[in-house]
C-alpha atoms as a PDB file:
ATOM      1  CA  UNK A   1      13.424  -0.722 -17.944  1.00  0.00           C
ATOM      2  CA  UNK A   2      11.311  -2.354 -15.385  1.00  0.00           C
ATOM      3  CA  UNK A   3      12.902  -4.367 -12.555  1.00  0.00           C
ATOM      4  CA  UNK A   4      12.127  -8.018 -12.033  1.00  0.00           C
ATOM      5  CA  UNK A   5      11.559  -8.926  -8.397  1.00  0.00           C
ATOM      6  CA  UNK A   6      11.138 -12.657  -7.530  1.00  0.00           C
ATOM      7  CA  UNK A   7       8.379 -12.983  -5.143  1.00  0.00           C
ATOM      8  CA  UNK A   8       8.915 -16.783  -3.772  1.00  0.00           C
ATOM      9  CA  UNK A   9       9.137 -18.902  -7.014  1.00  0.00           C
ATOM     10  CA  UNK A  10       7.497 -16.091  -9.437  1.00  0.00           C
ATOM     11  CA  UNK A  11       9.216 -13.394 -10.612  1.00  0.00           C
ATOM     12  CA  UNK A  12       7.434  -9.936 -10.452  1.00  0.00           C
ATOM     13  CA  UNK A  13       8.112  -7.124 -13.076  1.00  0.00           C
ATOM     14  CA  UNK A  14       8.125  -3.585 -11.122  1.00  0.00           C
ATOM     15  CA  UNK A  15       7.881  -0.531 -13.093  1.00  0.00           C
ATOM     16  CA  UNK A  16      10.870   2.251 -12.788  1.00  0.00           C
ATOM     17  CA  UNK A  17      10.122   5.549 -12.997  1.00  0.00           C
ATOM     18  CA  UNK A  18      11.438   7.363 -15.968  1.00  0.00           C
ATOM     19  CA  UNK A  19      13.492  10.798 -14.956  1.00  0.00           C
ATOM     20  CA  UNK A  20      11.210  12.709 -16.813  1.00  0.00           C
ATOM     21  CA  UNK A  21       8.309  12.225 -14.988  1.00  0.00           C
ATOM     22  CA  UNK A  22       7.025  13.698 -11.796  1.00  0.00           C
ATOM     23  CA  UNK A  23       7.508  12.342  -8.476  1.00  0.00           C
ATOM     24  CA  UNK A  24       3.981  10.756  -7.068  1.00  0.00           C
ATOM     25  CA  UNK A  25       2.427  13.189  -3.951  1.00  0.00           C
ATOM     26  CA  UNK A  26       2.906  11.937  -0.585  1.00  0.00           C
ATOM     27  CA  UNK A  27       0.693  10.063   1.051  1.00  0.00           C
ATOM     28  CA  UNK A  28      -2.671  10.958   2.209  1.00  0.00           C
ATOM     29  CA  UNK A  29      -2.159  12.063   6.047  1.00  0.00           C
ATOM     30  CA  UNK A  30       0.877  13.972   5.395  1.00  0.00           C
ATOM     31  CA  UNK A  31       4.286  14.868   6.184  1.00  0.00           C
ATOM     32  CA  UNK A  32       4.780  17.163   3.046  1.00  0.00           C
ATOM     33  CA  UNK A  33       7.607  16.533   0.085  1.00  0.00           C
ATOM     34  CA  UNK A  34       9.252  13.267   0.819  1.00  0.00           C
ATOM     35  CA  UNK A  35      11.149  10.907  -1.222  1.00  0.00           C
ATOM     36  CA  UNK A  36       9.810   9.369  -4.684  1.00  0.00           C
ATOM     37  CA  UNK A  37      11.083   6.361  -6.641  1.00  0.00           C
ATOM     38  CA  UNK A  38      14.217   8.200  -7.908  1.00  0.00           C
ATOM     39  CA  UNK A  39      17.854   8.508  -6.058  1.00  0.00           C
ATOM     40  CA  UNK A  40      20.498  10.338  -7.373  1.00  0.00           C
ATOM     41  CA  UNK A  41      23.478   8.020  -8.829  1.00  0.00           C
ATOM     42  CA  UNK A  42      27.035   8.677  -9.624  1.00  0.00           C
ATOM     43  CA  UNK A  43      27.753  12.217 -10.842  1.00  0.00           C
ATOM     44  CA  UNK A  44      24.033  13.528  -9.678  1.00  0.00           C
ATOM     45  CA  UNK A  45      22.347  11.444 -12.214  1.00  0.00           C
ATOM     46  CA  UNK A  46      19.203   9.942 -11.636  1.00  0.00           C
ATOM     47  CA  UNK A  47      18.430   6.358 -11.619  1.00  0.00           C
ATOM     48  CA  UNK A  48      14.981   4.236 -11.378  1.00  0.00           C
ATOM     49  CA  UNK A  49      14.145   2.878  -7.608  1.00  0.00           C
ATOM     50  CA  UNK A  50      12.870  -0.538  -7.644  1.00  0.00           C
ATOM     51  CA  UNK A  51      10.374  -2.046  -5.391  1.00  0.00           C
ATOM     52  CA  UNK A  52      12.900  -4.200  -3.723  1.00  0.00           C
ATOM     53  CA  UNK A  53      15.673  -1.811  -3.977  1.00  0.00           C
ATOM     54  CA  UNK A  54      13.303   0.823  -2.369  1.00  0.00           C
ATOM     55  CA  UNK A  55      12.266  -1.388   0.323  1.00  0.00           C
ATOM     56  CA  UNK A  56      15.695  -2.004   1.378  1.00  0.00           C
ATOM     57  CA  UNK A  57      17.005   1.375   1.052  1.00  0.00           C
ATOM     58  CA  UNK A  58      13.940   2.828   3.385  1.00  0.00           C
ATOM     59  CA  UNK A  59      14.486   0.132   5.785  1.00  0.00           C
ATOM     60  CA  UNK A  60      18.264   0.701   5.841  1.00  0.00           C
ATOM     61  CA  UNK A  61      17.915   4.516   6.413  1.00  0.00           C
ATOM     62  CA  UNK A  62      15.422   3.917   9.540  1.00  0.00           C
ATOM     63  CA  UNK A  63      17.783   1.942  11.038  1.00  0.00           C
ATOM     64  CA  UNK A  64      20.485   4.238  10.653  1.00  0.00           C
ATOM     65  CA  UNK A  65      18.543   6.959  12.420  1.00  0.00           C
ATOM     66  CA  UNK A  66      17.676   4.682  15.204  1.00  0.00           C
ATOM     67  CA  UNK A  67      21.114   3.883  15.964  1.00  0.00           C
ATOM     68  CA  UNK A  68      22.690   7.325  15.603  1.00  0.00           C
ATOM     69  CA  UNK A  69      19.881   8.567  17.716  1.00  0.00           C
ATOM     70  CA  UNK A  70      20.367   5.717  20.585  1.00  0.00           C
ATOM     71  CA  UNK A  71      24.069   6.725  20.246  1.00  0.00           C
ATOM     72  CA  UNK A  72      23.817  10.212  20.976  1.00  0.00           C
ATOM     73  CA  UNK A  73      21.617   9.304  24.017  1.00  0.00           C
ATOM     74  CA  UNK A  74      23.867   6.893  25.417  1.00  0.00           C
ATOM     75  CA  UNK A  75      26.735   9.357  25.062  1.00  0.00           C
ATOM     76  CA  UNK A  76      24.881  12.161  26.878  1.00  0.00           C
ATOM     77  CA  UNK A  77      23.683   9.706  29.485  1.00  0.00           C
ATOM     78  CA  UNK A  78      27.571   8.600  30.232  1.00  0.00           C
ATOM     79  CA  UNK A  79      28.583  12.364  29.995  1.00  0.00           C
ATOM     80  CA  UNK A  80      26.544  13.614  32.859  1.00  0.00           C
ATOM     81  CA  UNK A  81      27.026  10.384  34.718  1.00  0.00           C
ATOM     82  CA  UNK A  82      30.878  11.052  34.680  1.00  0.00           C
ATOM     83  CA  UNK A  83      30.628  14.166  35.505  1.00  0.00           C
ATOM     84  CA  UNK A  84      29.225  14.131  38.744  1.00  0.00           C
ATOM     85  CA  UNK A  85      27.120  16.792  38.304  1.00  0.00           C
ATOM     86  CA  UNK A  86      23.540  16.914  39.539  1.00  0.00           C
ATOM     87  CA  UNK A  87      20.599  17.396  36.945  1.00  0.00           C
ATOM     88  CA  UNK A  88      19.698  20.854  36.656  1.00  0.00           C
ATOM     89  CA  UNK A  89      16.071  21.782  36.634  1.00  0.00           C
ATOM     90  CA  UNK A  90      15.474  22.904  33.380  1.00  0.00           C
ATOM     91  CA  UNK A  91      17.556  21.090  31.392  1.00  0.00           C
ATOM     92  CA  UNK A  92      18.411  22.192  27.951  1.00  0.00           C
ATOM     93  CA  UNK A  93      19.552  18.719  26.689  1.00  0.00           C
ATOM     94  CA  UNK A  94      17.535  16.295  24.271  1.00  0.00           C
ATOM     95  CA  UNK A  95      15.220  14.205  26.089  1.00  0.00           C
ATOM     96  CA  UNK A  96      13.950  10.738  24.973  1.00  0.00           C
ATOM     97  CA  UNK A  97      10.234  12.501  23.921  1.00  0.00           C
ATOM     98  CA  UNK A  98      12.187  14.840  21.841  1.00  0.00           C
ATOM     99  CA  UNK A  99      14.257  12.037  20.234  1.00  0.00           C
ATOM    100  CA  UNK A 100      11.079  10.151  19.272  1.00  0.00           C
ATOM    101  CA  UNK A 101       9.797  12.685  17.852  1.00  0.00           C
ATOM    102  CA  UNK A 102      12.923  13.312  15.533  1.00  0.00           C
ATOM    103  CA  UNK A 103      13.119   9.582  14.826  1.00  0.00           C
ATOM    104  CA  UNK A 104       9.639  10.028  13.793  1.00  0.00           C
ATOM    105  CA  UNK A 105      10.382  12.855  11.526  1.00  0.00           C
ATOM    106  CA  UNK A 106      13.155  11.437  10.143  1.00  0.00           C
ATOM    107  CA  UNK A 107      11.354   8.001   8.923  1.00  0.00           C
ATOM    108  CA  UNK A 108       8.622   9.970   7.207  1.00  0.00           C
ATOM    109  CA  UNK A 109      11.191  11.611   5.257  1.00  0.00           C
ATOM    110  CA  UNK A 110      13.731   9.228   4.809  1.00  0.00           C
ATOM    111  CA  UNK A 111      11.179   6.265   3.340  1.00  0.00           C
ATOM    112  CA  UNK A 112      10.727   6.410  -0.249  1.00  0.00           C
ATOM    113  CA  UNK A 113       7.388   5.929  -2.319  1.00  0.00           C
ATOM    114  CA  UNK A 114       7.432   2.681  -4.476  1.00  0.00           C
ATOM    115  CA  UNK A 115       5.361   1.925  -6.940  1.00  0.00           C
ATOM    116  CA  UNK A 116       3.010  -1.290  -7.440  1.00  0.00           C
ATOM    117  CA  UNK A 117       1.206  -3.158 -10.475  1.00  0.00           C
ATOM    118  CA  UNK A 118      -2.199  -3.239  -9.709  1.00  0.00           C
ATOM    119  CA  UNK A 119      -5.015  -5.179 -11.875  1.00  0.00           C
ATOM    120  CA  UNK A 120      -8.571  -3.566 -12.020  1.00  0.00           C
ATOM    121  CA  UNK A 121     -11.813  -5.617 -12.185  1.00  0.00           C
ATOM    122  CA  UNK A 122     -15.563  -4.620 -12.733  1.00  0.00           C
ATOM    123  CA  UNK A 123     -17.960  -7.141 -11.757  1.00  0.00           C
ATOM    124  CA  UNK A 124     -20.950  -6.214 -13.519  1.00  0.00           C
ATOM    125  CA  UNK A 125     -23.662  -7.492 -15.855  1.00  0.00           C
ATOM    126  CA  UNK A 126     -24.453  -4.203 -17.618  1.00  0.00           C
ATOM    127  CA  UNK A 127     -21.299  -2.213 -16.971  1.00  0.00           C
ATOM    128  CA  UNK A 128     -19.244  -0.975 -20.330  1.00  0.00           C
ATOM    129  CA  UNK A 129     -15.877   0.609 -20.769  1.00  0.00           C
ATOM    130  CA  UNK A 130     -17.444   3.922 -21.514  1.00  0.00           C
ATOM    131  CA  UNK A 131     -19.967   3.911 -18.088  1.00  0.00           C
ATOM    132  CA  UNK A 132     -17.627   1.933 -15.590  1.00  0.00           C
ATOM    133  CA  UNK A 133     -17.141   4.698 -13.585  1.00  0.00           C
ATOM    134  CA  UNK A 134     -16.290   2.523 -10.163  1.00  0.00           C
ATOM    135  CA  UNK A 135     -13.597   0.978 -12.074  1.00  0.00           C
ATOM    136  CA  UNK A 136     -12.313   4.364 -13.701  1.00  0.00           C
ATOM    137  CA  UNK A 137     -12.599   5.556 -10.276  1.00  0.00           C
ATOM    138  CA  UNK A 138      -9.744   2.745  -8.947  1.00  0.00           C
ATOM    139  CA  UNK A 139      -7.996   3.430 -11.938  1.00  0.00           C
ATOM    140  CA  UNK A 140      -7.739   7.267 -11.759  1.00  0.00           C
ATOM    141  CA  UNK A 141      -7.003   6.999  -7.950  1.00  0.00           C
ATOM    142  CA  UNK A 142      -3.752   4.690  -8.463  1.00  0.00           C
ATOM    143  CA  UNK A 143      -2.274   6.879 -11.344  1.00  0.00           C
ATOM    144  CA  UNK A 144      -2.236   9.989  -9.207  1.00  0.00           C
ATOM    145  CA  UNK A 145      -0.510   7.884  -6.374  1.00  0.00           C
ATOM    146  CA  UNK A 146       2.066   6.925  -8.979  1.00  0.00           C
ATOM    147  CA  UNK A 147       0.768   3.224  -9.042  1.00  0.00           C
ATOM    148  CA  UNK A 148       0.737   1.445 -12.281  1.00  0.00           C
ATOM    149  CA  UNK A 149      -2.678  -0.577 -13.604  1.00  0.00           C
ATOM    150  CA  UNK A 150      -1.313  -3.422 -15.482  1.00  0.00           C
ATOM    151  CA  UNK A 151      -4.758  -5.046 -16.280  1.00  0.00           C
ATOM    152  CA  UNK A 152      -7.998  -3.784 -16.701  1.00  0.00           C
ATOM    153  CA  UNK A 153     -11.282  -6.129 -17.300  1.00  0.00           C
ATOM    154  CA  UNK A 154     -14.833  -5.934 -17.074  1.00  0.00           C
ATOM    155  CA  UNK A 155     -16.413  -9.653 -16.138  1.00  0.00           C
ATOM    156  CA  UNK A 156     -20.073 -10.238 -15.931  1.00  0.00           C
ATOM    157  CA  UNK A 157     -21.684 -11.764 -12.332  1.00  0.00           C
ATOM    158  CA  UNK A 158     -20.605 -15.571 -13.311  1.00  0.00           C
ATOM    159  CA  UNK A 159     -18.793 -17.034 -10.680  1.00  0.00           C
ATOM    160  CA  UNK A 160     -16.710 -19.623 -12.767  1.00  0.00           C
ATOM    161  CA  UNK A 161     -15.992 -16.647 -15.290  1.00  0.00           C
ATOM    162  CA  UNK A 162     -14.827 -14.266 -12.423  1.00  0.00           C
ATOM    163  CA  UNK A 163     -12.898 -17.467 -10.641  1.00  0.00           C
ATOM    164  CA  UNK A 164     -10.904 -17.816 -13.840  1.00  0.00           C
ATOM    165  CA  UNK A 165      -9.685 -14.528 -14.146  1.00  0.00           C
ATOM    166  CA  UNK A 166      -8.891 -14.171 -10.291  1.00  0.00           C
ATOM    167  CA  UNK A 167      -6.504 -17.325 -10.896  1.00  0.00           C
ATOM    168  CA  UNK A 168      -4.946 -16.070 -13.951  1.00  0.00           C
ATOM    169  CA  UNK A 169      -3.826 -12.941 -12.351  1.00  0.00           C
ATOM    170  CA  UNK A 170      -3.285 -14.445  -8.889  1.00  0.00           C
ATOM    171  CA  UNK A 171      -1.541 -17.889 -10.003  1.00  0.00           C
ATOM    172  CA  UNK A 172       0.343 -16.886 -14.104  1.00  0.00           C
ATOM    173  CA  UNK A 173       0.558 -13.062 -14.092  1.00  0.00           C
ATOM    174  CA  UNK A 174       3.983 -11.755 -13.186  1.00  0.00           C
ATOM    175  CA  UNK A 175       2.845  -8.137 -13.953  1.00  0.00           C
ATOM    176  CA  UNK A 176       0.111  -8.046 -10.897  1.00  0.00           C
ATOM    177  CA  UNK A 177       1.113  -7.450  -7.620  1.00  0.00           C
ATOM    178  CA  UNK A 178      -2.557  -6.259  -6.113  1.00  0.00           C
ATOM    179  CA  UNK A 179      -5.853  -6.732  -7.634  1.00  0.00           C
ATOM    180  CA  UNK A 180      -8.333  -4.451  -6.997  1.00  0.00           C
ATOM    181  CA  UNK A 181     -12.206  -5.760  -7.784  1.00  0.00           C
ATOM    182  CA  UNK A 182     -15.588  -3.682  -7.616  1.00  0.00           C
ATOM    183  CA  UNK A 183     -19.271  -5.193  -7.674  1.00  0.00           C
ATOM    184  CA  UNK A 184     -20.641  -8.172  -6.487  1.00  0.00           C
ATOM    185  CA  UNK A 185     -20.156  -8.346  -2.593  1.00  0.00           C
ATOM    186  CA  UNK A 186     -23.640  -7.637  -1.916  1.00  0.00           C
ATOM    187  CA  UNK A 187     -25.679 -10.608  -0.728  1.00  0.00           C
ATOM    188  CA  UNK A 188     -28.213 -10.946  -3.593  1.00  0.00           C
ATOM    189  CA  UNK A 189     -28.377 -14.341  -6.040  1.00  0.00           C
ATOM    190  CA  UNK A 190     -26.176 -12.624  -7.999  1.00  0.00           C
ATOM    191  CA  UNK A 191     -23.295 -11.266  -6.000  1.00  0.00           C
ATOM    192  CA  UNK A 192     -20.768 -13.888  -6.121  1.00  0.00           C
ATOM    193  CA  UNK A 193     -17.548 -11.824  -6.332  1.00  0.00           C
ATOM    194  CA  UNK A 194     -16.588 -13.313  -2.431  1.00  0.00           C
ATOM    195  CA  UNK A 195     -17.436 -17.051  -3.451  1.00  0.00           C
ATOM    196  CA  UNK A 196     -15.262 -16.873  -6.340  1.00  0.00           C
ATOM    197  CA  UNK A 197     -12.378 -15.723  -4.737  1.00  0.00           C
ATOM    198  CA  UNK A 198     -12.851 -18.119  -1.444  1.00  0.00           C
ATOM    199  CA  UNK A 199     -10.719 -21.288  -2.799  1.00  0.00           C
ATOM    200  CA  UNK A 200      -7.926 -19.337  -3.751  1.00  0.00           C
ATOM    201  CA  UNK A 201      -7.665 -17.486  -0.284  1.00  0.00           C
ATOM    202  CA  UNK A 202      -3.975 -17.991   1.580  1.00  0.00           C
ATOM    203  CA  UNK A 203      -5.299 -15.249   4.525  1.00  0.00           C
ATOM    204  CA  UNK A 204      -8.101 -13.383   5.031  1.00  0.00           C
ATOM    205  CA  UNK A 205      -7.253  -9.219   5.717  1.00  0.00           C
ATOM    206  CA  UNK A 206      -9.963  -9.355   8.334  1.00  0.00           C
ATOM    207  CA  UNK A 207      -9.101  -5.871   8.989  1.00  0.00           C
ATOM    208  CA  UNK A 208     -10.147  -4.409   5.932  1.00  0.00           C
ATOM    209  CA  UNK A 209     -13.693  -5.199   5.450  1.00  0.00           C
ATOM    210  CA  UNK A 210     -14.130  -3.947   9.315  1.00  0.00           C
ATOM    211  CA  UNK A 211     -12.609  -0.902   9.064  1.00  0.00           C
ATOM    212  CA  UNK A 212     -14.649  -0.379   5.336  1.00  0.00           C
ATOM    213  CA  UNK A 213     -18.044  -0.666   7.123  1.00  0.00           C
ATOM    214  CA  UNK A 214     -16.787   1.336  10.038  1.00  0.00           C
ATOM    215  CA  UNK A 215     -15.871   4.070   7.727  1.00  0.00           C
ATOM    216  CA  UNK A 216     -18.843   3.385   5.455  1.00  0.00           C
ATOM    217  CA  UNK A 217     -21.459   3.731   8.374  1.00  0.00           C
ATOM    218  CA  UNK A 218     -20.769   7.433   8.531  1.00  0.00           C
ATOM    219  CA  UNK A 219     -22.105   7.872   5.102  1.00  0.00           C
ATOM    220  CA  UNK A 220     -24.886   5.351   4.847  1.00  0.00           C
ATOM    221  CA  UNK A 221     -25.671   4.336   8.332  1.00  0.00           C
ATOM    222  CA  UNK A 222     -26.753   0.833   8.878  1.00  0.00           C
ATOM    223  CA  UNK A 223     -26.938   0.055   5.067  1.00  0.00           C
ATOM    224  CA  UNK A 224     -23.702  -0.873   5.425  1.00  0.00           C
ATOM    225  CA  UNK A 225     -24.192  -4.015   6.769  1.00  0.00           C
ATOM    226  CA  UNK A 226     -24.739  -5.167   3.172  1.00  0.00           C
ATOM    227  CA  UNK A 227     -21.424  -4.979   2.411  1.00  0.00           C
ATOM    228  CA  UNK A 228     -19.079  -7.879   1.899  1.00  0.00           C
ATOM    229  CA  UNK A 229     -16.166  -5.861   0.910  1.00  0.00           C
ATOM    230  CA  UNK A 230     -13.200  -8.138   2.174  1.00  0.00           C
ATOM    231  CA  UNK A 231      -9.496  -8.319   1.643  1.00  0.00           C
ATOM    232  CA  UNK A 232      -7.375 -11.315   1.438  1.00  0.00           C
ATOM    233  CA  UNK A 233      -3.783 -12.394   0.664  1.00  0.00           C
ATOM    234  CA  UNK A 234      -3.708 -14.822  -2.169  1.00  0.00           C
ATOM    235  CA  UNK A 235      -0.858 -17.080  -3.211  1.00  0.00           C
ATOM    236  CA  UNK A 236       1.610 -13.920  -2.114  1.00  0.00           C
ATOM    237  CA  UNK A 237      -0.350 -11.067  -4.134  1.00  0.00           C
ATOM    238  CA  UNK A 238      -2.944  -8.868  -2.179  1.00  0.00           C
ATOM    239  CA  UNK A 239      -6.542  -9.046  -3.475  1.00  0.00           C
ATOM    240  CA  UNK A 240      -9.640  -6.808  -2.265  1.00  0.00           C
ATOM    241  CA  UNK A 241     -12.995  -6.882  -3.188  1.00  0.00           C
ATOM    242  CA  UNK A 242     -15.122  -3.373  -3.165  1.00  0.00           C
ATOM    243  CA  UNK A 243     -18.645  -2.907  -3.678  1.00  0.00           C
ATOM    244  CA  UNK A 244     -19.815  -1.477  -6.877  1.00  0.00           C
ATOM    245  CA  UNK A 245     -20.804   1.936  -5.810  1.00  0.00           C
ATOM    246  CA  UNK A 246     -18.497   4.776  -6.983  1.00  0.00           C
ATOM    247  CA  UNK A 247     -18.889   6.313  -3.612  1.00  0.00           C
ATOM    248  CA  UNK A 248     -17.709   2.980  -1.801  1.00  0.00           C
ATOM    249  CA  UNK A 249     -14.859   2.691  -4.160  1.00  0.00           C
ATOM    250  CA  UNK A 250     -13.876   6.353  -3.674  1.00  0.00           C
ATOM    251  CA  UNK A 251     -14.115   6.036   0.349  1.00  0.00           C
ATOM    252  CA  UNK A 252     -11.950   2.304   0.587  1.00  0.00           C
ATOM    253  CA  UNK A 253      -9.090   3.787  -1.835  1.00  0.00           C
ATOM    254  CA  UNK A 254      -8.775   7.224  -0.291  1.00  0.00           C
ATOM    255  CA  UNK A 255      -9.322   5.828   3.492  1.00  0.00           C
ATOM    256  CA  UNK A 256      -7.720   2.678   3.313  1.00  0.00           C
ATOM    257  CA  UNK A 257      -5.873   1.142   0.432  1.00  0.00           C
ATOM    258  CA  UNK A 258      -3.770   4.385  -0.877  1.00  0.00           C
ATOM    259  CA  UNK A 259      -2.207   4.772   2.537  1.00  0.00           C
ATOM    260  CA  UNK A 260      -1.619   1.218   2.801  1.00  0.00           C
ATOM    261  CA  UNK A 261      -0.081   0.439  -0.420  1.00  0.00           C
ATOM    262  CA  UNK A 262       2.744   3.435   0.114  1.00  0.00           C
ATOM    263  CA  UNK A 263       5.599   2.096   1.521  1.00  0.00           C
ATOM    264  CA  UNK A 264       6.067   5.664   3.315  1.00  0.00           C
ATOM    265  CA  UNK A 265       2.844   5.300   5.834  1.00  0.00           C
ATOM    266  CA  UNK A 266       4.096   4.449   9.105  1.00  0.00           C
ATOM    267  CA  UNK A 267       4.024   2.382  11.511  1.00  0.00           C
ATOM    268  CA  UNK A 268       3.273  -0.161   8.962  1.00  0.00           C
ATOM    269  CA  UNK A 269       2.155  -0.474   5.439  1.00  0.00           C
ATOM    270  CA  UNK A 270       1.132  -3.661   2.942  1.00  0.00           C
ATOM    271  CA  UNK A 271       4.185  -2.348   0.556  1.00  0.00           C
ATOM    272  CA  UNK A 272       6.799  -3.540   3.084  1.00  0.00           C
ATOM    273  CA  UNK A 273       5.060  -6.854   4.127  1.00  0.00           C
ATOM    274  CA  UNK A 274       4.796  -8.101   0.311  1.00  0.00           C
ATOM    275  CA  UNK A 275       8.179  -9.800   0.111  1.00  0.00           C
ATOM    276  CA  UNK A 276       7.369 -11.882   3.339  1.00  0.00           C
ATOM    277  CA  UNK A 277       3.639 -13.102   2.037  1.00  0.00           C
ATOM    278  CA  UNK A 278       5.355 -16.411   1.031  1.00  0.00           C
ATOM    279  CA  UNK A 279       7.327 -16.897   3.889  1.00  0.00           C
END
């Protein structure tokens, strides 16, 4: 059964992974096979790991690892002081650097993947369900990572219609945690996606557009300046506006959004912040 998680005044439904499904692959960049969305219950049975439970359990595990390493280093230091022995030139005792590396590996292995609900919007006057390659690329990337696409729609370049869809998903839909739109971010008269979203923005995620254009520059050079790709927090939900080209969509998904929508990404990620967006 899906878990219902309260974000502020709204209740968001978060999907649970059935025990028959495979665990999602690790985040881009790595750390090997680390935890998945299933946890072991009594008798070795598997139980679904909800958004809230997964986040809390990851934080608790990390705190426990930090406390254990700190306690071990403290005991070691007191032992050396009590013995009065001079430190050896080539000590085999664990150092702070060793402990830091150990803590990093433990953090990567103990934090678990948490699936989020995503709505995908294609902004285009010409695309259809049969040829929507950019929207399809977003859906494919999210599915491969283990997230759930709960809504998908194609809307023409019309500011009123676009704003209506954004308002529906941001204000009224409990099955949407994140919105990813593709198209309408250029500088022509028909490109109105940022304008449609603007009244709903609570806080701009300025770094998303900056990082996307930086990465895009390596592929298309100075032409990237024509992109108005942006990210924002809107009433406790994340919204990202991507260009309409399939190449740009794949770049944004692989290099920015998939890593940041993975609760295992260190030192920080969007998923662990989502419960705090309404503070």
